[in-house]
PDB file of N, CA and C in Angstrom:
ATOM      1  N   MET A   1     122.658  99.123  79.107  1.00  0.00           N
ATOM      2  CA  MET A   1     123.169 100.473  79.145  1.00  0.00           C
ATOM      3  C   MET A   1     122.535 101.217  80.316  1.00  0.00           C
ATOM      4  N   ALA A   2     123.335 101.761  81.203  1.00  0.00           N
ATOM      5  CA  ALA A   2     122.832 102.477  82.371  1.00  0.00           C
ATOM      6  C   ALA A   2     122.416 103.897  81.988  1.00  0.00           C
ATOM      7  N   THR A   3     121.379 104.379  82.658  1.00  0.00           N
ATOM      8  CA  THR A   3     120.944 105.757  82.440  1.00  0.00           C
ATOM      9  C   THR A   3     120.964 106.482  83.783  1.00  0.00           C
ATOM     10  N   ASN A   4     120.957 107.784  83.759  1.00  0.00           N
ATOM     11  CA  ASN A   4     120.918 108.594  84.969  1.00  0.00           C
ATOM     12  C   ASN A   4     119.524 109.159  85.182  1.00  0.00           C
ATOM     13  N   LYS A   5     118.518 108.368  84.901  1.00  0.00           N
ATOM     14  CA  LYS A   5     117.130 108.772  85.035  1.00  0.00           C
ATOM     15  C   LYS A   5     116.801 109.006  86.513  1.00  0.00           C
ATOM     16  N   LYS A   6     116.063 110.076  86.806  1.00  0.00           N
ATOM     17  CA  LYS A   6     115.672 110.378  88.176  1.00  0.00           C
ATOM     18  C   LYS A   6     114.344 109.708  88.497  1.00  0.00           C
ATOM     19  N   PRO A   7     114.137 109.328  89.761  1.00  0.00           N
ATOM     20  CA  PRO A   7     112.866 108.707  90.143  1.00  0.00           C
ATOM     21  C   PRO A   7     111.716 109.709  90.081  1.00  0.00           C
ATOM     22  N   THR A   8     110.511 109.175  89.880  1.00  0.00           N
ATOM     23  CA  THR A   8     109.303 109.996  89.904  1.00  0.00           C
ATOM     24  C   THR A   8     108.999 110.445  91.327  1.00  0.00           C
ATOM     25  N   HIS A   9     109.122 109.516  92.278  1.00  0.00           N
ATOM     26  CA  HIS A   9     108.871 109.792  93.696  1.00  0.00           C
ATOM     27  C   HIS A   9     109.766 108.914  94.540  1.00  0.00           C
ATOM     28  N   THR A  10     110.038 109.390  95.755  1.00  0.00           N
ATOM     29  CA  THR A  10     110.705 108.583  96.768  1.00  0.00           C
ATOM     30  C   THR A  10     109.879 108.693  98.029  1.00  0.00           C
ATOM     31  N   LEU A  11     109.503 107.560  98.585  1.00  0.00           N
ATOM     32  CA  LEU A  11     108.696 107.508  99.799  1.00  0.00           C
ATOM     33  C   LEU A  11     109.492 106.805 100.879  1.00  0.00           C
ATOM     34  N   ARG A  12     109.238 107.155 102.137  1.00  0.00           N
ATOM     35  CA  ARG A  12     109.931 106.506 103.247  1.00  0.00           C
ATOM     36  C   ARG A  12     108.942 105.999 104.281  1.00  0.00           C
ATOM     37  N   CYS A  13     109.295 104.871 104.853  1.00  0.00           N
ATOM     38  CA  CYS A  13     108.564 104.310 105.991  1.00  0.00           C
ATOM     39  C   CYS A  13     109.635 103.818 106.952  1.00  0.00           C
ATOM     40  N   GLY A  14     109.920 104.601 107.992  1.00  0.00           N
ATOM     41  CA  GLY A  14     111.017 104.254 108.885  1.00  0.00           C
ATOM     42  C   GLY A  14     112.319 104.286 108.114  1.00  0.00           C
ATOM     43  N   ASN A  15     113.066 103.185 108.169  1.00  0.00           N
ATOM     44  CA  ASN A  15     114.338 103.153 107.457  1.00  0.00           C
ATOM     45  C   ASN A  15     114.233 102.463 106.096  1.00  0.00           C
ATOM     46  N   ILE A  16     113.020 102.252 105.606  1.00  0.00           N
ATOM     47  CA  ILE A  16     112.808 101.656 104.290  1.00  0.00           C
ATOM     48  C   ILE A  16     112.478 102.766 103.296  1.00  0.00           C
ATOM     49  N   LYS A  17     113.108 102.711 102.140  1.00  0.00           N
ATOM     50  CA  LYS A  17     112.877 103.710 101.098  1.00  0.00           C
ATOM     51  C   LYS A  17     112.274 103.007  99.883  1.00  0.00           C
ATOM     52  N   ALA A  18     111.158 103.543  99.386  1.00  0.00           N
ATOM     53  CA  ALA A  18     110.535 103.049  98.153  1.00  0.00           C
ATOM     54  C   ALA A  18     110.774 104.110  97.082  1.00  0.00           C
ATOM     55  N   THR A  19     111.402 103.700  95.998  1.00  0.00           N
ATOM     56  CA  THR A  19     111.695 104.614  94.898  1.00  0.00           C
ATOM     57  C   THR A  19     110.838 104.222  93.709  1.00  0.00           C
ATOM     58  N   ILE A  20     110.071 105.172  93.191  1.00  0.00           N
ATOM     59  CA  ILE A  20     109.129 104.905  92.104  1.00  0.00           C
ATOM     60  C   ILE A  20     109.694 105.485  90.815  1.00  0.00           C
ATOM     61  N   TRP A  21     109.737 104.636  89.802  1.00  0.00           N
ATOM     62  CA  TRP A  21     110.308 104.984  88.509  1.00  0.00           C
ATOM     63  C   TRP A  21     109.235 104.939  87.435  1.00  0.00           C
ATOM     64  N   GLN A  22     109.224 105.928  86.553  1.00  0.00           N
ATOM     65  CA  GLN A  22     108.310 105.897  85.407  1.00  0.00           C
ATOM     66  C   GLN A  22     109.065 105.340  84.213  1.00  0.00           C
ATOM     67  N   ASN A  23     108.453 104.387  83.547  1.00  0.00           N
ATOM     68  CA  ASN A  23     109.024 103.776  82.352  1.00  0.00           C
ATOM     69  C   ASN A  23     108.046 103.929  81.197  1.00  0.00           C
ATOM     70  N   SER A  24     108.517 103.718  80.004  1.00  0.00           N
ATOM     71  CA  SER A  24     107.668 103.824  78.818  1.00  0.00           C
ATOM     72  C   SER A  24     107.590 102.485  78.112  1.00  0.00           C
ATOM     73  N   SER A  25     106.439 102.241  77.508  1.00  0.00           N
ATOM     74  CA  SER A  25     106.255 101.050  76.685  1.00  0.00           C
ATOM     75  C   SER A  25     105.407 101.434  75.478  1.00  0.00           C
ATOM     76  N   GLU A  26     105.184 100.485  74.607  1.00  0.00           N
ATOM     77  CA  GLU A  26     104.335 100.730  73.439  1.00  0.00           C
ATOM     78  C   GLU A  26     102.919 101.099  73.854  1.00  0.00           C
ATOM     79  N   LYS A  27     102.482 100.630  75.030  1.00  0.00           N
ATOM     80  CA  LYS A  27     101.128 100.901  75.520  1.00  0.00           C
ATOM     81  C   LYS A  27     101.058 102.158  76.374  1.00  0.00           C
ATOM     82  N   GLY A  28     102.169 102.839  76.552  1.00  0.00           N
ATOM     83  CA  GLY A  28     102.181 104.057  77.351  1.00  0.00           C
ATOM     84  C   GLY A  28     103.045 103.910  78.587  1.00  0.00           C
ATOM     85  N   PRO A  29     103.027 104.927  79.446  1.00  0.00           N
ATOM     86  CA  PRO A  29     103.877 104.891  80.635  1.00  0.00           C
ATOM     87  C   PRO A  29     103.372 103.883  81.671  1.00  0.00           C
ATOM     88  N   PHE A  30     104.320 103.353  82.452  1.00  0.00           N
ATOM     89  CA  PHE A  30     103.990 102.502  83.584  1.00  0.00           C
ATOM     90  C   PHE A  30     105.013 102.770  84.671  1.00  0.00           C
ATOM     91  N   PHE A  31     104.711 102.334  85.880  1.00  0.00           N
ATOM     92  CA  PHE A  31     105.566 102.612  87.022  1.00  0.00           C
ATOM     93  C   PHE A  31     106.110 101.324  87.611  1.00  0.00           C
ATOM     94  N   ALA A  32     107.334 101.390  88.107  1.00  0.00           N
ATOM     95  CA  ALA A  32     107.970 100.280  88.808  1.00  0.00           C
ATOM     96  C   ALA A  32     108.519 100.831  90.126  1.00  0.00           C
ATOM     97  N   THR A  33     108.594  99.991  91.139  1.00  0.00           N
ATOM     98  CA  THR A  33     109.063 100.423  92.452  1.00  0.00           C
ATOM     99  C   THR A  33     110.221  99.550  92.907  1.00  0.00           C
ATOM    100  N   THR A  34     111.250 100.183  93.432  1.00  0.00           N
ATOM    101  CA  THR A  34     112.356  99.457  94.055  1.00  0.00           C
ATOM    102  C   THR A  34     112.377  99.815  95.532  1.00  0.00           C
ATOM    103  N   PHE A  35     112.755  98.859  96.365  1.00  0.00           N
ATOM    104  CA  PHE A  35     112.834  99.069  97.806  1.00  0.00           C
ATOM    105  C   PHE A  35     114.284  98.941  98.246  1.00  0.00           C
ATOM    106  N   SER A  36     114.682  99.808  99.163  1.00  0.00           N
ATOM    107  CA  SER A  36     116.047  99.741  99.666  1.00  0.00           C
ATOM    108  C   SER A  36     116.079 100.189 101.122  1.00  0.00           C
ATOM    109  N   ARG A  37     117.204  99.913 101.746  1.00  0.00           N
ATOM    110  CA  ARG A  37     117.428 100.297 103.133  1.00  0.00           C
ATOM    111  C   ARG A  37     118.776 101.015 103.186  1.00  0.00           C
ATOM    112  N   PRO A  38     118.760 102.360 103.238  1.00  0.00           N
ATOM    113  CA  PRO A  38     120.020 103.101 103.285  1.00  0.00           C
ATOM    114  C   PRO A  38     120.796 102.795 104.565  1.00  0.00           C
ATOM    115  N   PHE A  39     122.114 102.709 104.442  1.00  0.00           N
ATOM    116  CA  PHE A  39     122.986 102.492 105.597  1.00  0.00           C
ATOM    117  C   PHE A  39     124.361 103.077 105.289  1.00  0.00           C
ATOM    118  N   LYS A  40     125.136 103.328 106.336  1.00  0.00           N
ATOM    119  CA  LYS A  40     126.505 103.802 106.168  1.00  0.00           C
ATOM    120  C   LYS A  40     127.444 102.610 106.279  1.00  0.00           C
ATOM    121  N   ASP A  41     128.391 102.524 105.347  1.00  0.00           N
ATOM    122  CA  ASP A  41     129.368 101.439 105.414  1.00  0.00           C
ATOM    123  C   ASP A  41     130.490 101.823 106.391  1.00  0.00           C
ATOM    124  N   GLN A  42     131.490 100.968 106.506  1.00  0.00           N
ATOM    125  CA  GLN A  42     132.560 101.189 107.480  1.00  0.00           C
ATOM    126  C   GLN A  42     133.342 102.472 107.228  1.00  0.00           C
ATOM    127  N   SER A  43     133.381 102.926 105.979  1.00  0.00           N
ATOM    128  CA  SER A  43     134.108 104.166 105.669  1.00  0.00           C
ATOM    129  C   SER A  43     133.231 105.408 105.853  1.00  0.00           C
ATOM    130  N   GLY A  44     131.947 105.216 106.183  1.00  0.00           N
ATOM    131  CA  GLY A  44     131.038 106.336 106.385  1.00  0.00           C
ATOM    132  C   GLY A  44     130.271 106.750 105.141  1.00  0.00           C
ATOM    133  N   ALA A  45     130.462 106.017 104.035  1.00  0.00           N
ATOM    134  CA  ALA A  45     129.744 106.332 102.791  1.00  0.00           C
ATOM    135  C   ALA A  45     128.353 105.708 102.833  1.00  0.00           C
ATOM    136  N   TRP A  46     127.359 106.424 102.302  1.00  0.00           N
ATOM    137  CA  TRP A  46     125.997 105.897 102.252  1.00  0.00           C
ATOM    138  C   TRP A  46     125.877 104.855 101.152  1.00  0.00           C
ATOM    139  N   ARG A  47     125.229 103.755 101.475  1.00  0.00           N
ATOM    140  CA  ARG A  47     124.951 102.665 100.538  1.00  0.00           C
ATOM    141  C   ARG A  47     123.474 102.307 100.661  1.00  0.00           C
ATOM    142  N   ASN A  48     122.961 101.562  99.689  1.00  0.00           N
ATOM    143  CA  ASN A  48     121.580 101.085  99.727  1.00  0.00           C
ATOM    144  C   ASN A  48     121.580  99.565  99.756  1.00  0.00           C
ATOM    145  N   GLY A  49     121.053  99.006 100.827  1.00  0.00           N
ATOM    146  CA  GLY A  49     120.935  97.562 100.933  1.00  0.00           C
ATOM    147  C   GLY A  49     119.586  97.111 100.402  1.00  0.00           C
ATOM    148  N   THR A  50     119.539  95.884  99.939  1.00  0.00           N
ATOM    149  CA  THR A  50     118.275  95.330  99.437  1.00  0.00           C
ATOM    150  C   THR A  50     117.869  94.084 100.216  1.00  0.00           C
ATOM    151  N   SER A  51     118.493  93.866 101.362  1.00  0.00           N
ATOM    152  CA  SER A  51     118.103  92.787 102.267  1.00  0.00           C
ATOM    153  C   SER A  51     117.394  93.419 103.452  1.00  0.00           C
ATOM    154  N   PHE A  52     116.352  92.748 103.929  1.00  0.00           N
ATOM    155  CA  PHE A  52     115.533  93.327 104.977  1.00  0.00           C
ATOM    156  C   PHE A  52     115.366  92.336 106.118  1.00  0.00           C
ATOM    157  N   GLY A  53     115.393  92.851 107.349  1.00  0.00           N
ATOM    158  CA  GLY A  53     115.159  92.045 108.524  1.00  0.00           C
ATOM    159  C   GLY A  53     113.671  91.800 108.728  1.00  0.00           C
ATOM    160  N   LEU A  54     113.346  90.874 109.590  1.00  0.00           N
ATOM    161  CA  LEU A  54     111.956  90.513 109.849  1.00  0.00           C
ATOM    162  C   LEU A  54     111.124  91.721 110.269  1.00  0.00           C
ATOM    163  N   ASN A  55     111.672  92.576 111.137  1.00  0.00           N
ATOM    164  CA  ASN A  55     110.897  93.732 111.601  1.00  0.00           C
ATOM    165  C   ASN A  55     110.776  94.816 110.529  1.00  0.00           C
ATOM    166  N   GLU A  56     111.540  94.735 109.441  1.00  0.00           N
ATOM    167  CA  GLU A  56     111.424  95.700 108.350  1.00  0.00           C
ATOM    168  C   GLU A  56     110.414  95.252 107.294  1.00  0.00           C
ATOM    169  N   LEU A  57     110.093  93.982 107.270  1.00  0.00           N
ATOM    170  CA  LEU A  57     109.182  93.465 106.251  1.00  0.00           C
ATOM    171  C   LEU A  57     107.783  94.058 106.372  1.00  0.00           C
ATOM    172  N   GLU A  58     107.332  94.301 107.598  1.00  0.00           N
ATOM    173  CA  GLU A  58     106.007  94.893 107.780  1.00  0.00           C
ATOM    174  C   GLU A  58     105.925  96.260 107.112  1.00  0.00           C
ATOM    175  N   GLY A  59     106.989  97.054 107.207  1.00  0.00           N
ATOM    176  CA  GLY A  59     107.017  98.360 106.559  1.00  0.00           C
ATOM    177  C   GLY A  59     106.947  98.255 105.049  1.00  0.00           C
ATOM    178  N   LEU A  60     107.504  97.189 104.490  1.00  0.00           N
ATOM    179  CA  LEU A  60     107.432  96.987 103.044  1.00  0.00           C
ATOM    180  C   LEU A  60     106.007  96.690 102.591  1.00  0.00           C
ATOM    181  N   VAL A  61     105.277  95.960 103.419  1.00  0.00           N
ATOM    182  CA  VAL A  61     103.941  95.505 103.031  1.00  0.00           C
ATOM    183  C   VAL A  61     102.853  96.493 103.431  1.00  0.00           C
ATOM    184  N   THR A  62     102.941  97.060 104.614  1.00  0.00           N
ATOM    185  CA  THR A  62     101.836  97.870 105.136  1.00  0.00           C
ATOM    186  C   THR A  62     102.235  99.295 105.472  1.00  0.00           C
ATOM    187  N   GLY A  63     103.384  99.736 105.015  1.00  0.00           N
ATOM    188  CA  GLY A  63     103.905 101.055 105.370  1.00  0.00           C
ATOM    189  C   GLY A  63     102.911 102.172 105.127  1.00  0.00           C
ATOM    190  N   PRO A  64     103.009 103.253 105.911  1.00  0.00           N
ATOM    191  CA  PRO A  64     102.075 104.363 105.787  1.00  0.00           C
ATOM    192  C   PRO A  64     102.351 105.254 104.585  1.00  0.00           C
ATOM    193  N   ALA A  65     103.465 105.055 103.901  1.00  0.00           N
ATOM    194  CA  ALA A  65     103.793 105.925 102.765  1.00  0.00           C
ATOM    195  C   ALA A  65     102.783 105.732 101.647  1.00  0.00           C
ATOM    196  N   ARG A  66     102.175 106.811 101.219  1.00  0.00           N
ATOM    197  CA  ARG A  66     101.200 106.785 100.137  1.00  0.00           C
ATOM    198  C   ARG A  66     101.465 107.964  99.215  1.00  0.00           C
ATOM    199  N   PRO A  67     101.220 107.824  97.917  1.00  0.00           N
ATOM    200  CA  PRO A  67     101.375 108.982  97.010  1.00  0.00           C
ATOM    201  C   PRO A  67     100.394 110.083  97.413  1.00  0.00           C
ATOM    202  N   ARG A  68     100.809 111.307  97.250  1.00  0.00           N
ATOM    203  CA  ARG A  68      99.953 112.448  97.559  1.00  0.00           C
ATOM    204  C   ARG A  68      99.075 112.789  96.388  1.00  0.00           C
ATOM    205  N   ASN A  69      97.982 113.516  96.652  1.00  0.00           N
ATOM    206  CA  ASN A  69      97.141 114.015  95.559  1.00  0.00           C
ATOM    207  C   ASN A  69      98.002 114.879  94.648  1.00  0.00           C
ATOM    208  N   GLY A  70      97.748 114.795  93.364  1.00  0.00           N
ATOM    209  CA  GLY A  70      98.559 115.524  92.406  1.00  0.00           C
ATOM    210  C   GLY A  70      99.701 114.686  91.860  1.00  0.00           C
ATOM    211  N   SER A  71      99.969 113.563  92.523  1.00  0.00           N
ATOM    212  CA  SER A  71     101.021 112.664  92.052  1.00  0.00           C
ATOM    213  C   SER A  71     100.569 112.002  90.771  1.00  0.00           C
ATOM    214  N   PRO A  72     101.471 111.747  89.815  1.00  0.00           N
ATOM    215  CA  PRO A  72     101.078 111.036  88.595  1.00  0.00           C
ATOM    216  C   PRO A  72     100.521 109.647  88.896  1.00  0.00           C
ATOM    217  N   LEU A  73     100.837 109.125  90.091  1.00  0.00           N
ATOM    218  CA  LEU A  73     100.333 107.799  90.438  1.00  0.00           C
ATOM    219  C   LEU A  73      98.851 107.833  90.798  1.00  0.00           C
ATOM    220  N   MET A  74      98.329 109.010  91.103  1.00  0.00           N
ATOM    221  CA  MET A  74      96.930 109.129  91.499  1.00  0.00           C
ATOM    222  C   MET A  74      96.026 109.494  90.329  1.00  0.00           C
ATOM    223  N   ARG A  75      96.573 109.685  89.149  1.00  0.00           N
ATOM    224  CA  ARG A  75      95.770 110.075  87.995  1.00  0.00           C
ATOM    225  C   ARG A  75      95.122 108.894  87.347  1.00  0.00           C
TER     226      ARG A  75
END
């Protein structure tokens, strides 16, 4: 069943977007991250790709995006 849950945070490093989601479990909340690469398709609509080129992989691993102080991820 799909939900319209909003992400906790969205971070960017160049053209790579990291979306952080808060989930719940019996042990309490936990976070999951999805990575995507926004692009425009032939009709001009924005889409999110999940395939990355060699020069984009470095941004996935070592990107400068970090949660800010006050973020639930820093607690």
